[in-house]
PDB file of N, CA and C in Angstrom:
ATOM      1  N   UNK A   1       0.904  -1.134   0.138  1.00  0.00           N
ATOM      2  CA  UNK A   1       0.132  -0.213  -0.137  1.00  0.00           C
ATOM      3  C   UNK A   1       0.886   1.259  -0.143  1.00  0.00           C
ATOM      4  N   UNK A   2       0.683   1.970  -0.823  1.00  0.00           N
ATOM      5  CA  UNK A   2       1.542   3.275  -0.919  1.00  0.00           C
ATOM      6  C   UNK A   2       0.960   4.423   0.377  1.00  0.00           C
ATOM      7  N   UNK A   3       2.056   4.983   1.120  1.00  0.00           N
ATOM      8  CA  UNK A   3       1.466   6.319   1.900  1.00  0.00           C
ATOM      9  C   UNK A   3       0.390   7.202   1.439  1.00  0.00           C
ATOM     10  N   UNK A   4      -0.821   7.596   2.047  1.00  0.00           N
ATOM     11  CA  UNK A   4      -1.503   8.078   2.474  1.00  0.00           C
ATOM     12  C   UNK A   4      -0.821  10.092   2.941  1.00  0.00           C
ATOM     13  N   UNK A   5      -1.406  10.519   1.493  1.00  0.00           N
ATOM     14  CA  UNK A   5      -0.868  11.674   1.435  1.00  0.00           C
ATOM     15  C   UNK A   5      -1.964  13.246   1.767  1.00  0.00           C
ATOM     16  N   UNK A   6      -1.400  14.054   2.376  1.00  0.00           N
ATOM     17  CA  UNK A   6      -2.380  14.946   3.013  1.00  0.00           C
ATOM     18  C   UNK A   6      -2.531  16.057   1.833  1.00  0.00           C
ATOM     19  N   UNK A   7      -3.740  16.427   1.237  1.00  0.00           N
ATOM     20  CA  UNK A   7      -3.245  17.541   0.523  1.00  0.00           C
ATOM     21  C   UNK A   7      -2.344  18.883   0.963  1.00  0.00           C
ATOM     22  N   UNK A   8      -1.779  19.814  -0.005  1.00  0.00           N
ATOM     23  CA  UNK A   8      -0.425  20.610   0.308  1.00  0.00           C
ATOM     24  C   UNK A   8      -1.305  21.690   0.268  1.00  0.00           C
ATOM     25  N   UNK A   9      -2.091  21.715  -0.309  1.00  0.00           N
ATOM     26  CA  UNK A   9      -2.685  23.228  -0.062  1.00  0.00           C
ATOM     27  C   UNK A   9      -3.764  23.819   1.214  1.00  0.00           C
ATOM     28  N   UNK A  10      -4.164  22.391   1.946  1.00  0.00           N
ATOM     29  CA  UNK A  10      -5.138  21.877   2.710  1.00  0.00           C
ATOM     30  C   UNK A  10      -4.530  22.363   4.132  1.00  0.00           C
ATOM     31  N   UNK A  11      -3.146  21.263   3.807  1.00  0.00           N
ATOM     32  CA  UNK A  11      -2.051  21.359   5.677  1.00  0.00           C
ATOM     33  C   UNK A  11      -1.597  23.729   5.510  1.00  0.00           C
ATOM     34  N   UNK A  12      -1.485  23.381   4.433  1.00  0.00           N
ATOM     35  CA  UNK A  12      -1.249  25.123   4.743  1.00  0.00           C
ATOM     36  C   UNK A  12      -2.015  26.215   5.440  1.00  0.00           C
ATOM     37  N   UNK A  13      -3.772  25.970   5.257  1.00  0.00           N
ATOM     38  CA  UNK A  13      -4.662  27.043   5.325  1.00  0.00           C
ATOM     39  C   UNK A  13      -5.742  26.316   6.824  1.00  0.00           C
ATOM     40  N   UNK A  14      -5.373  25.306   6.993  1.00  0.00           N
ATOM     41  CA  UNK A  14      -6.590  25.072   8.758  1.00  0.00           C
ATOM     42  C   UNK A  14      -5.377  24.163   9.043  1.00  0.00           C
ATOM     43  N   UNK A  15      -5.714  24.555  11.272  1.00  0.00           N
ATOM     44  CA  UNK A  15      -5.472  24.117  11.892  1.00  0.00           C
ATOM     45  C   UNK A  15      -6.061  22.906  12.513  1.00  0.00           C
ATOM     46  N   UNK A  16      -5.612  22.173  13.372  1.00  0.00           N
ATOM     47  CA  UNK A  16      -6.429  21.341  14.073  1.00  0.00           C
ATOM     48  C   UNK A  16      -6.646  22.192  16.138  1.00  0.00           C
ATOM     49  N   UNK A  17      -8.018  22.258  16.390  1.00  0.00           N
ATOM     50  CA  UNK A  17      -7.620  23.080  17.526  1.00  0.00           C
ATOM     51  C   UNK A  17      -7.241  22.017  18.419  1.00  0.00           C
ATOM     52  N   UNK A  18      -7.264  22.136  20.008  1.00  0.00           N
ATOM     53  CA  UNK A  18      -7.141  20.694  21.214  1.00  0.00           C
ATOM     54  C   UNK A  18      -9.031  20.014  20.856  1.00  0.00           C
ATOM     55  N   UNK A  19     -10.023  21.210  21.006  1.00  0.00           N
ATOM     56  CA  UNK A  19     -10.996  20.565  21.390  1.00  0.00           C
ATOM     57  C   UNK A  19     -11.583  19.349  19.812  1.00  0.00           C
ATOM     58  N   UNK A  20     -10.738  19.981  19.021  1.00  0.00           N
ATOM     59  CA  UNK A  20     -10.841  18.434  17.398  1.00  0.00           C
ATOM     60  C   UNK A  20     -11.180  20.011  16.247  1.00  0.00           C
ATOM     61  N   UNK A  21     -11.995  21.121  17.026  1.00  0.00           N
ATOM     62  CA  UNK A  21     -11.913  21.684  15.679  1.00  0.00           C
ATOM     63  C   UNK A  21     -10.959  22.293  14.683  1.00  0.00           C
ATOM     64  N   UNK A  22     -10.796  22.520  13.635  1.00  0.00           N
ATOM     65  CA  UNK A  22     -10.161  23.068  12.787  1.00  0.00           C
ATOM     66  C   UNK A  22     -10.466  24.523  12.487  1.00  0.00           C
ATOM     67  N   UNK A  23      -9.173  25.976  12.445  1.00  0.00           N
ATOM     68  CA  UNK A  23      -9.505  26.577  12.837  1.00  0.00           C
ATOM     69  C   UNK A  23      -8.653  27.187  11.062  1.00  0.00           C
ATOM     70  N   UNK A  24      -9.600  28.189  10.604  1.00  0.00           N
ATOM     71  CA  UNK A  24      -9.050  28.503   9.373  1.00  0.00           C
ATOM     72  C   UNK A  24      -9.432  30.515   9.454  1.00  0.00           C
ATOM     73  N   UNK A  25      -8.480  30.978   8.039  1.00  0.00           N
ATOM     74  CA  UNK A  25      -8.000  32.235   8.004  1.00  0.00           C
ATOM     75  C   UNK A  25      -9.786  32.813   7.171  1.00  0.00           C
ATOM     76  N   UNK A  26      -9.658  34.183   7.112  1.00  0.00           N
ATOM     77  CA  UNK A  26     -10.643  35.271   6.271  1.00  0.00           C
ATOM     78  C   UNK A  26     -10.117  34.551   5.020  1.00  0.00           C
ATOM     79  N   UNK A  27     -10.938  35.356   4.242  1.00  0.00           N
ATOM     80  CA  UNK A  27     -10.387  35.843   2.869  1.00  0.00           C
ATOM     81  C   UNK A  27     -11.244  37.276   2.596  1.00  0.00           C
ATOM     82  N   UNK A  28     -10.342  37.608   1.757  1.00  0.00           N
ATOM     83  CA  UNK A  28     -10.563  39.493   1.265  1.00  0.00           C
ATOM     84  C   UNK A  28      -9.339  39.560   1.796  1.00  0.00           C
ATOM     85  N   UNK A  29      -8.299  39.172   2.519  1.00  0.00           N
ATOM     86  CA  UNK A  29      -7.507  40.507   3.182  1.00  0.00           C
ATOM     87  C   UNK A  29      -6.373  40.340   3.225  1.00  0.00           C
ATOM     88  N   UNK A  30      -6.422  40.393   1.460  1.00  0.00           N
ATOM     89  CA  UNK A  30      -4.641  40.186   0.847  1.00  0.00           C
ATOM     90  C   UNK A  30      -4.068  41.317   0.342  1.00  0.00           C
ATOM     91  N   UNK A  31      -4.876  41.934  -0.442  1.00  0.00           N
ATOM     92  CA  UNK A  31      -4.422  42.829  -1.017  1.00  0.00           C
ATOM     93  C   UNK A  31      -5.953  43.612  -1.365  1.00  0.00           C
ATOM     94  N   UNK A  32      -5.905  45.007  -2.178  1.00  0.00           N
ATOM     95  CA  UNK A  32      -7.104  45.853  -2.402  1.00  0.00           C
ATOM     96  C   UNK A  32      -7.889  46.833  -1.343  1.00  0.00           C
ATOM     97  N   UNK A  33      -7.468  46.395  -0.190  1.00  0.00           N
ATOM     98  CA  UNK A  33      -7.825  47.468   0.835  1.00  0.00           C
ATOM     99  C   UNK A  33      -8.103  48.755   1.049  1.00  0.00           C
ATOM    100  N   UNK A  34      -8.195  49.124   0.164  1.00  0.00           N
ATOM    101  CA  UNK A  34      -8.360  50.654   0.238  1.00  0.00           C
ATOM    102  C   UNK A  34      -9.332  51.128   0.662  1.00  0.00           C
ATOM    103  N   UNK A  35     -10.591  50.333  -0.407  1.00  0.00           N
ATOM    104  CA  UNK A  35     -12.032  50.422  -0.328  1.00  0.00           C
ATOM    105  C   UNK A  35     -12.477  49.463   0.511  1.00  0.00           C
ATOM    106  N   UNK A  36     -12.231  48.891   1.342  1.00  0.00           N
ATOM    107  CA  UNK A  36     -12.615  48.282   2.339  1.00  0.00           C
ATOM    108  C   UNK A  36     -12.499  49.080   3.309  1.00  0.00           C
ATOM    109  N   UNK A  37     -13.617  49.257   4.077  1.00  0.00           N
ATOM    110  CA  UNK A  37     -13.911  50.156   6.143  1.00  0.00           C
ATOM    111  C   UNK A  37     -12.600  49.151   6.580  1.00  0.00           C
ATOM    112  N   UNK A  38     -12.486  50.231   7.806  1.00  0.00           N
ATOM    113  CA  UNK A  38     -11.813  49.370   8.798  1.00  0.00           C
ATOM    114  C   UNK A  38     -12.266  48.935   9.733  1.00  0.00           C
ATOM    115  N   UNK A  39     -13.237  48.715   9.554  1.00  0.00           N
ATOM    116  CA  UNK A  39     -13.993  47.637  10.570  1.00  0.00           C
ATOM    117  C   UNK A  39     -14.370  46.343  10.332  1.00  0.00           C
ATOM    118  N   UNK A  40     -14.653  46.287   8.751  1.00  0.00           N
ATOM    119  CA  UNK A  40     -14.048  45.119   8.134  1.00  0.00           C
ATOM    120  C   UNK A  40     -13.083  44.247   7.571  1.00  0.00           C
ATOM    121  N   UNK A  41     -12.032  45.430   8.121  1.00  0.00           N
ATOM    122  CA  UNK A  41     -10.686  44.276   7.791  1.00  0.00           C
ATOM    123  C   UNK A  41     -10.560  43.728   9.292  1.00  0.00           C
ATOM    124  N   UNK A  42     -11.014  44.661  10.641  1.00  0.00           N
ATOM    125  CA  UNK A  42     -11.016  44.232  11.259  1.00  0.00           C
ATOM    126  C   UNK A  42     -11.331  42.983  11.652  1.00  0.00           C
ATOM    127  N   UNK A  43     -12.690  42.845  11.134  1.00  0.00           N
ATOM    128  CA  UNK A  43     -13.346  41.429  11.203  1.00  0.00           C
ATOM    129  C   UNK A  43     -12.658  40.861  10.504  1.00  0.00           C
ATOM    130  N   UNK A  44     -11.945  40.976   9.825  1.00  0.00           N
ATOM    131  CA  UNK A  44     -11.427  39.553   8.269  1.00  0.00           C
ATOM    132  C   UNK A  44     -10.195  39.488   9.408  1.00  0.00           C
ATOM    133  N   UNK A  45      -9.703  40.339   9.810  1.00  0.00           N
ATOM    134  CA  UNK A  45      -8.360  39.718  10.982  1.00  0.00           C
ATOM    135  C   UNK A  45      -8.559  38.400  11.902  1.00  0.00           C
ATOM    136  N   UNK A  46      -9.668  38.274  12.522  1.00  0.00           N
ATOM    137  CA  UNK A  46     -10.012  37.713  13.429  1.00  0.00           C
ATOM    138  C   UNK A  46      -9.950  35.709  12.748  1.00  0.00           C
ATOM    139  N   UNK A  47      -9.530  34.651  13.318  1.00  0.00           N
ATOM    140  CA  UNK A  47      -9.158  33.835  13.092  1.00  0.00           C
ATOM    141  C   UNK A  47     -11.105  33.077  13.233  1.00  0.00           C
ATOM    142  N   UNK A  48     -11.589  32.175  12.435  1.00  0.00           N
ATOM    143  CA  UNK A  48     -12.430  31.589  12.230  1.00  0.00           C
ATOM    144  C   UNK A  48     -12.524  30.392  12.830  1.00  0.00           C
ATOM    145  N   UNK A  49     -13.746  29.493  12.442  1.00  0.00           N
ATOM    146  CA  UNK A  49     -14.199  28.110  13.221  1.00  0.00           C
ATOM    147  C   UNK A  49     -14.727  27.653  11.286  1.00  0.00           C
ATOM    148  N   UNK A  50     -13.838  25.869  10.728  1.00  0.00           N
ATOM    149  CA  UNK A  50     -15.080  25.534   9.274  1.00  0.00           C
ATOM    150  C   UNK A  50     -15.610  25.116   9.871  1.00  0.00           C
ATOM    151  N   UNK A  51     -17.009  25.429   9.572  1.00  0.00           N
ATOM    152  CA  UNK A  51     -18.650  24.969   9.735  1.00  0.00           C
ATOM    153  C   UNK A  51     -18.400  23.890   9.784  1.00  0.00           C
ATOM    154  N   UNK A  52     -19.500  23.285  10.719  1.00  0.00           N
ATOM    155  CA  UNK A  52     -19.747  21.570  10.607  1.00  0.00           C
ATOM    156  C   UNK A  52     -20.149  20.967   9.639  1.00  0.00           C
ATOM    157  N   UNK A  53     -20.474  21.427   8.446  1.00  0.00           N
ATOM    158  CA  UNK A  53     -21.194  20.633   7.407  1.00  0.00           C
ATOM    159  C   UNK A  53     -19.233  20.667   7.317  1.00  0.00           C
ATOM    160  N   UNK A  54     -18.805  21.144   6.985  1.00  0.00           N
ATOM    161  CA  UNK A  54     -17.374  21.156   5.436  1.00  0.00           C
ATOM    162  C   UNK A  54     -16.362  20.802   6.147  1.00  0.00           C
ATOM    163  N   UNK A  55     -17.052  20.477   8.086  1.00  0.00           N
ATOM    164  CA  UNK A  55     -15.698  19.482   8.671  1.00  0.00           C
ATOM    165  C   UNK A  55     -15.051  18.549   7.912  1.00  0.00           C
ATOM    166  N   UNK A  56     -16.218  17.555   7.910  1.00  0.00           N
ATOM    167  CA  UNK A  56     -15.622  16.959   7.581  1.00  0.00           C
ATOM    168  C   UNK A  56     -15.021  16.425   6.282  1.00  0.00           C
ATOM    169  N   UNK A  57     -15.225  17.317   5.368  1.00  0.00           N
ATOM    170  CA  UNK A  57     -14.192  17.196   3.908  1.00  0.00           C
ATOM    171  C   UNK A  57     -12.918  17.896   4.625  1.00  0.00           C
ATOM    172  N   UNK A  58     -13.038  19.005   5.387  1.00  0.00           N
ATOM    173  CA  UNK A  58     -12.028  19.626   5.100  1.00  0.00           C
ATOM    174  C   UNK A  58     -10.684  18.276   6.706  1.00  0.00           C
ATOM    175  N   UNK A  59     -11.390  17.052   7.721  1.00  0.00           N
ATOM    176  CA  UNK A  59     -10.354  16.083   7.937  1.00  0.00           C
ATOM    177  C   UNK A  59     -10.260  15.841   7.105  1.00  0.00           C
ATOM    178  N   UNK A  60     -10.833  14.984   5.789  1.00  0.00           N
ATOM    179  CA  UNK A  60      -9.757  13.922   4.554  1.00  0.00           C
ATOM    180  C   UNK A  60      -9.201  14.969   4.277  1.00  0.00           C
ATOM    181  N   UNK A  61      -9.428  15.559   3.871  1.00  0.00           N
ATOM    182  CA  UNK A  61      -8.199  16.047   3.223  1.00  0.00           C
ATOM    183  C   UNK A  61      -7.088  16.504   3.775  1.00  0.00           C
ATOM    184  N   UNK A  62      -7.308  16.609   4.623  1.00  0.00           N
ATOM    185  CA  UNK A  62      -5.886  16.790   6.488  1.00  0.00           C
ATOM    186  C   UNK A  62      -5.588  15.539   6.681  1.00  0.00           C
ATOM    187  N   UNK A  63      -6.477  14.162   6.233  1.00  0.00           N
ATOM    188  CA  UNK A  63      -6.154  13.146   6.566  1.00  0.00           C
ATOM    189  C   UNK A  63      -5.898  12.014   8.516  1.00  0.00           C
ATOM    190  N   UNK A  64      -7.245  13.298   8.381  1.00  0.00           N
ATOM    191  CA  UNK A  64      -7.157  13.401  10.202  1.00  0.00           C
ATOM    192  C   UNK A  64      -8.624  11.946  10.384  1.00  0.00           C
TER     193      UNK A  64
END
């Protein structure tokens, strides 16, 4: 049997918390920030969690 490989893009984008949830970053915070409001940019800074309905797919990509 060959080794089971994780998806490289997923391992760069997601981290597992101690309770087993999956952390993620918000999108739309990398460039073209002049037209976005300060409150919007500040809220995009915070770390989010992957929704429960998507968690199984992400765990499959991470081979957890």
